[in-house]
């Protein structure tokens, strides 16, 4: 009986951990990027979308963007730039930092 209860507990715990990882994937930087950035910058960061072309969205792989420091990218996300809106107060500092890391992944860094 104890062994079965232990297996049941282990299975329950495994399901909870799996659901936790799924929830994180839906609320992590990829989800924030999809919700806030992809419309203009595209799923790949190229800026090659109708909205991106209209707004002059930068390709994240362009040398001037790649050469910006993480702090500069955080500033752009928080304060906006040109036609890009500011997300300060709409995203937490942790979310902004996670987006910068995600943008670096899109850049291949």
C-alpha atoms as a PDB file:
ATOM      1  CA  UNK A   1       0.000   0.000   0.000  1.00  0.00           C
ATOM      2  CA  UNK A   2       2.779   2.411   0.885  1.00  0.00           C
ATOM      3  CA  UNK A   3       4.579   1.712  -2.384  1.00  0.00           C
ATOM      4  CA  UNK A   4       1.465   2.491  -4.414  1.00  0.00           C
ATOM      5  CA  UNK A   5       0.898   5.673  -2.436  1.00  0.00           C
ATOM      6  CA  UNK A   6       4.510   6.629  -3.099  1.00  0.00           C
ATOM      7  CA  UNK A   7       4.131   6.025  -6.830  1.00  0.00           C
ATOM      8  CA  UNK A   8       0.904   8.000  -6.842  1.00  0.00           C
ATOM      9  CA  UNK A   9       2.622  10.870  -5.075  1.00  0.00           C
ATOM     10  CA  UNK A  10       5.532  10.713  -7.512  1.00  0.00           C
ATOM     11  CA  UNK A  11       3.183  10.739 -10.495  1.00  0.00           C
ATOM     12  CA  UNK A  12       1.206  13.638  -9.017  1.00  0.00           C
ATOM     13  CA  UNK A  13       4.398  15.574  -8.374  1.00  0.00           C
ATOM     14  CA  UNK A  14       5.637  14.882 -11.919  1.00  0.00           C
ATOM     15  CA  UNK A  15       2.388  16.171 -13.390  1.00  0.00           C
ATOM     16  CA  UNK A  16       2.595  19.324 -11.257  1.00  0.00           C
ATOM     17  CA  UNK A  17       6.188  19.959 -12.304  1.00  0.00           C
ATOM     18  CA  UNK A  18       5.261  19.411 -15.954  1.00  0.00           C
ATOM     19  CA  UNK A  19       2.364  21.843 -15.662  1.00  0.00           C
ATOM     20  CA  UNK A  20       4.638  24.352 -13.954  1.00  0.00           C
ATOM     21  CA  UNK A  21       7.124  24.203 -16.842  1.00  0.00           C
ATOM     22  CA  UNK A  22       4.269  24.578 -19.336  1.00  0.00           C
ATOM     23  CA  UNK A  23       2.977  27.621 -17.450  1.00  0.00           C
ATOM     24  CA  UNK A  24       6.451  29.165 -17.415  1.00  0.00           C
ATOM     25  CA  UNK A  25       6.766  28.646 -21.162  1.00  0.00           C
ATOM     26  CA  UNK A  26       3.479  30.486 -21.681  1.00  0.00           C
ATOM     27  CA  UNK A  27       4.465  33.374 -19.421  1.00  0.00           C
ATOM     28  CA  UNK A  28       8.208  33.589 -20.054  1.00  0.00           C
ATOM     29  CA  UNK A  29      10.147  35.887 -22.346  1.00  0.00           C
ATOM     30  CA  UNK A  30       8.935  34.120 -25.495  1.00  0.00           C
ATOM     31  CA  UNK A  31       5.317  34.830 -24.555  1.00  0.00           C
ATOM     32  CA  UNK A  32       6.132  38.450 -23.681  1.00  0.00           C
ATOM     33  CA  UNK A  33       8.020  38.825 -26.976  1.00  0.00           C
ATOM     34  CA  UNK A  34       5.118  37.343 -28.901  1.00  0.00           C
ATOM     35  CA  UNK A  35       2.634  39.640 -27.150  1.00  0.00           C
ATOM     36  CA  UNK A  36       4.635  42.883 -27.208  1.00  0.00           C
ATOM     37  CA  UNK A  37       7.318  42.687 -29.907  1.00  0.00           C
ATOM     38  CA  UNK A  38       6.625  40.142 -32.644  1.00  0.00           C
ATOM     39  CA  UNK A  39       3.918  42.171 -34.377  1.00  0.00           C
ATOM     40  CA  UNK A  40       6.556  44.657 -35.507  1.00  0.00           C
ATOM     41  CA  UNK A  41       9.887  42.858 -35.077  1.00  0.00           C
ATOM     42  CA  UNK A  42       8.653  39.485 -36.350  1.00  0.00           C
ATOM     43  CA  UNK A  43       9.012  36.083 -34.743  1.00  0.00           C
ATOM     44  CA  UNK A  44      12.638  35.971 -35.883  1.00  0.00           C
ATOM     45  CA  UNK A  45      13.527  39.571 -34.947  1.00  0.00           C
ATOM     46  CA  UNK A  46      13.967  40.658 -38.561  1.00  0.00           C
ATOM     47  CA  UNK A  47      11.416  43.482 -38.499  1.00  0.00           C
ATOM     48  CA  UNK A  48      10.083  42.024 -41.741  1.00  0.00           C
ATOM     49  CA  UNK A  49       6.373  42.367 -40.973  1.00  0.00           C
ATOM     50  CA  UNK A  50       3.815  44.783 -42.419  1.00  0.00           C
ATOM     51  CA  UNK A  51       3.671  46.676 -39.111  1.00  0.00           C
ATOM     52  CA  UNK A  52       7.466  46.539 -38.762  1.00  0.00           C
ATOM     53  CA  UNK A  53       8.021  47.943 -42.234  1.00  0.00           C
ATOM     54  CA  UNK A  54       5.481  50.696 -41.603  1.00  0.00           C
ATOM     55  CA  UNK A  55       7.021  51.606 -38.238  1.00  0.00           C
ATOM     56  CA  UNK A  56      10.667  51.251 -39.295  1.00  0.00           C
ATOM     57  CA  UNK A  57      11.306  48.414 -36.817  1.00  0.00           C
ATOM     58  CA  UNK A  58      14.939  47.422 -36.552  1.00  0.00           C
ATOM     59  CA  UNK A  59      16.262  44.002 -37.456  1.00  0.00           C
ATOM     60  CA  UNK A  60      17.781  42.739 -34.211  1.00  0.00           C
ATOM     61  CA  UNK A  61      20.660  41.243 -36.215  1.00  0.00           C
ATOM     62  CA  UNK A  62      21.635  44.614 -37.687  1.00  0.00           C
ATOM     63  CA  UNK A  63      25.144  45.622 -36.522  1.00  0.00           C
ATOM     64  CA  UNK A  64      23.958  48.781 -34.755  1.00  0.00           C
ATOM     65  CA  UNK A  65      21.476  46.752 -32.668  1.00  0.00           C
ATOM     66  CA  UNK A  66      23.908  43.899 -32.008  1.00  0.00           C
ATOM     67  CA  UNK A  67      26.491  46.413 -30.785  1.00  0.00           C
ATOM     68  CA  UNK A  68      24.111  48.034 -28.279  1.00  0.00           C
ATOM     69  CA  UNK A  69      24.766  47.065 -24.678  1.00  0.00           C
ATOM     70  CA  UNK A  70      22.156  45.175 -22.671  1.00  0.00           C
ATOM     71  CA  UNK A  71      21.536  48.393 -20.718  1.00  0.00           C
ATOM     72  CA  UNK A  72      20.877  50.279 -23.955  1.00  0.00           C
ATOM     73  CA  UNK A  73      18.415  47.629 -25.131  1.00  0.00           C
ATOM     74  CA  UNK A  74      16.698  47.736 -21.740  1.00  0.00           C
ATOM     75  CA  UNK A  75      16.412  51.510 -22.078  1.00  0.00           C
ATOM     76  CA  UNK A  76      14.813  51.210 -25.515  1.00  0.00           C
ATOM     77  CA  UNK A  77      12.284  48.680 -24.235  1.00  0.00           C
ATOM     78  CA  UNK A  78      11.479  50.771 -21.162  1.00  0.00           C
ATOM     79  CA  UNK A  79      11.430  54.242 -22.719  1.00  0.00           C
ATOM     80  CA  UNK A  80      10.641  53.463 -26.357  1.00  0.00           C
ATOM     81  CA  UNK A  81      12.384  54.849 -29.400  1.00  0.00           C
ATOM     82  CA  UNK A  82      10.999  56.660 -32.436  1.00  0.00           C
ATOM     83  CA  UNK A  83       7.634  54.985 -33.107  1.00  0.00           C
ATOM     84  CA  UNK A  84       8.231  52.128 -30.649  1.00  0.00           C
ATOM     85  CA  UNK A  85       6.130  52.547 -27.495  1.00  0.00           C
ATOM     86  CA  UNK A  86       7.583  52.581 -23.992  1.00  0.00           C
ATOM     87  CA  UNK A  87       6.946  49.519 -21.839  1.00  0.00           C
ATOM     88  CA  UNK A  88       8.087  50.942 -18.508  1.00  0.00           C
ATOM     89  CA  UNK A  89       5.283  50.309 -16.050  1.00  0.00           C
ATOM     90  CA  UNK A  90       3.786  47.694 -18.377  1.00  0.00           C
ATOM     91  CA  UNK A  91       6.621  45.167 -17.990  1.00  0.00           C
ATOM     92  CA  UNK A  92       8.584  44.467 -14.829  1.00  0.00           C
ATOM     93  CA  UNK A  93      12.337  45.012 -14.740  1.00  0.00           C
ATOM     94  CA  UNK A  94      12.749  41.220 -14.700  1.00  0.00           C
ATOM     95  CA  UNK A  95      10.547  40.905 -17.792  1.00  0.00           C
ATOM     96  CA  UNK A  96      12.588  43.557 -19.600  1.00  0.00           C
ATOM     97  CA  UNK A  97      15.830  41.776 -18.674  1.00  0.00           C
ATOM     98  CA  UNK A  98      14.404  38.477 -19.911  1.00  0.00           C
ATOM     99  CA  UNK A  99      13.368  40.124 -23.191  1.00  0.00           C
ATOM    100  CA  UNK A 100      16.903  41.440 -23.683  1.00  0.00           C
ATOM    101  CA  UNK A 101      18.239  37.901 -23.192  1.00  0.00           C
ATOM    102  CA  UNK A 102      15.658  36.588 -25.655  1.00  0.00           C
ATOM    103  CA  UNK A 103      16.642  39.242 -28.209  1.00  0.00           C
ATOM    104  CA  UNK A 104      20.273  38.172 -27.772  1.00  0.00           C
ATOM    105  CA  UNK A 105      19.189  34.599 -28.554  1.00  0.00           C
ATOM    106  CA  UNK A 106      17.503  35.824 -31.731  1.00  0.00           C
ATOM    107  CA  UNK A 107      20.776  37.538 -32.620  1.00  0.00           C
ATOM    108  CA  UNK A 108      22.582  34.226 -32.232  1.00  0.00           C
ATOM    109  CA  UNK A 109      24.530  35.390 -29.184  1.00  0.00           C
END
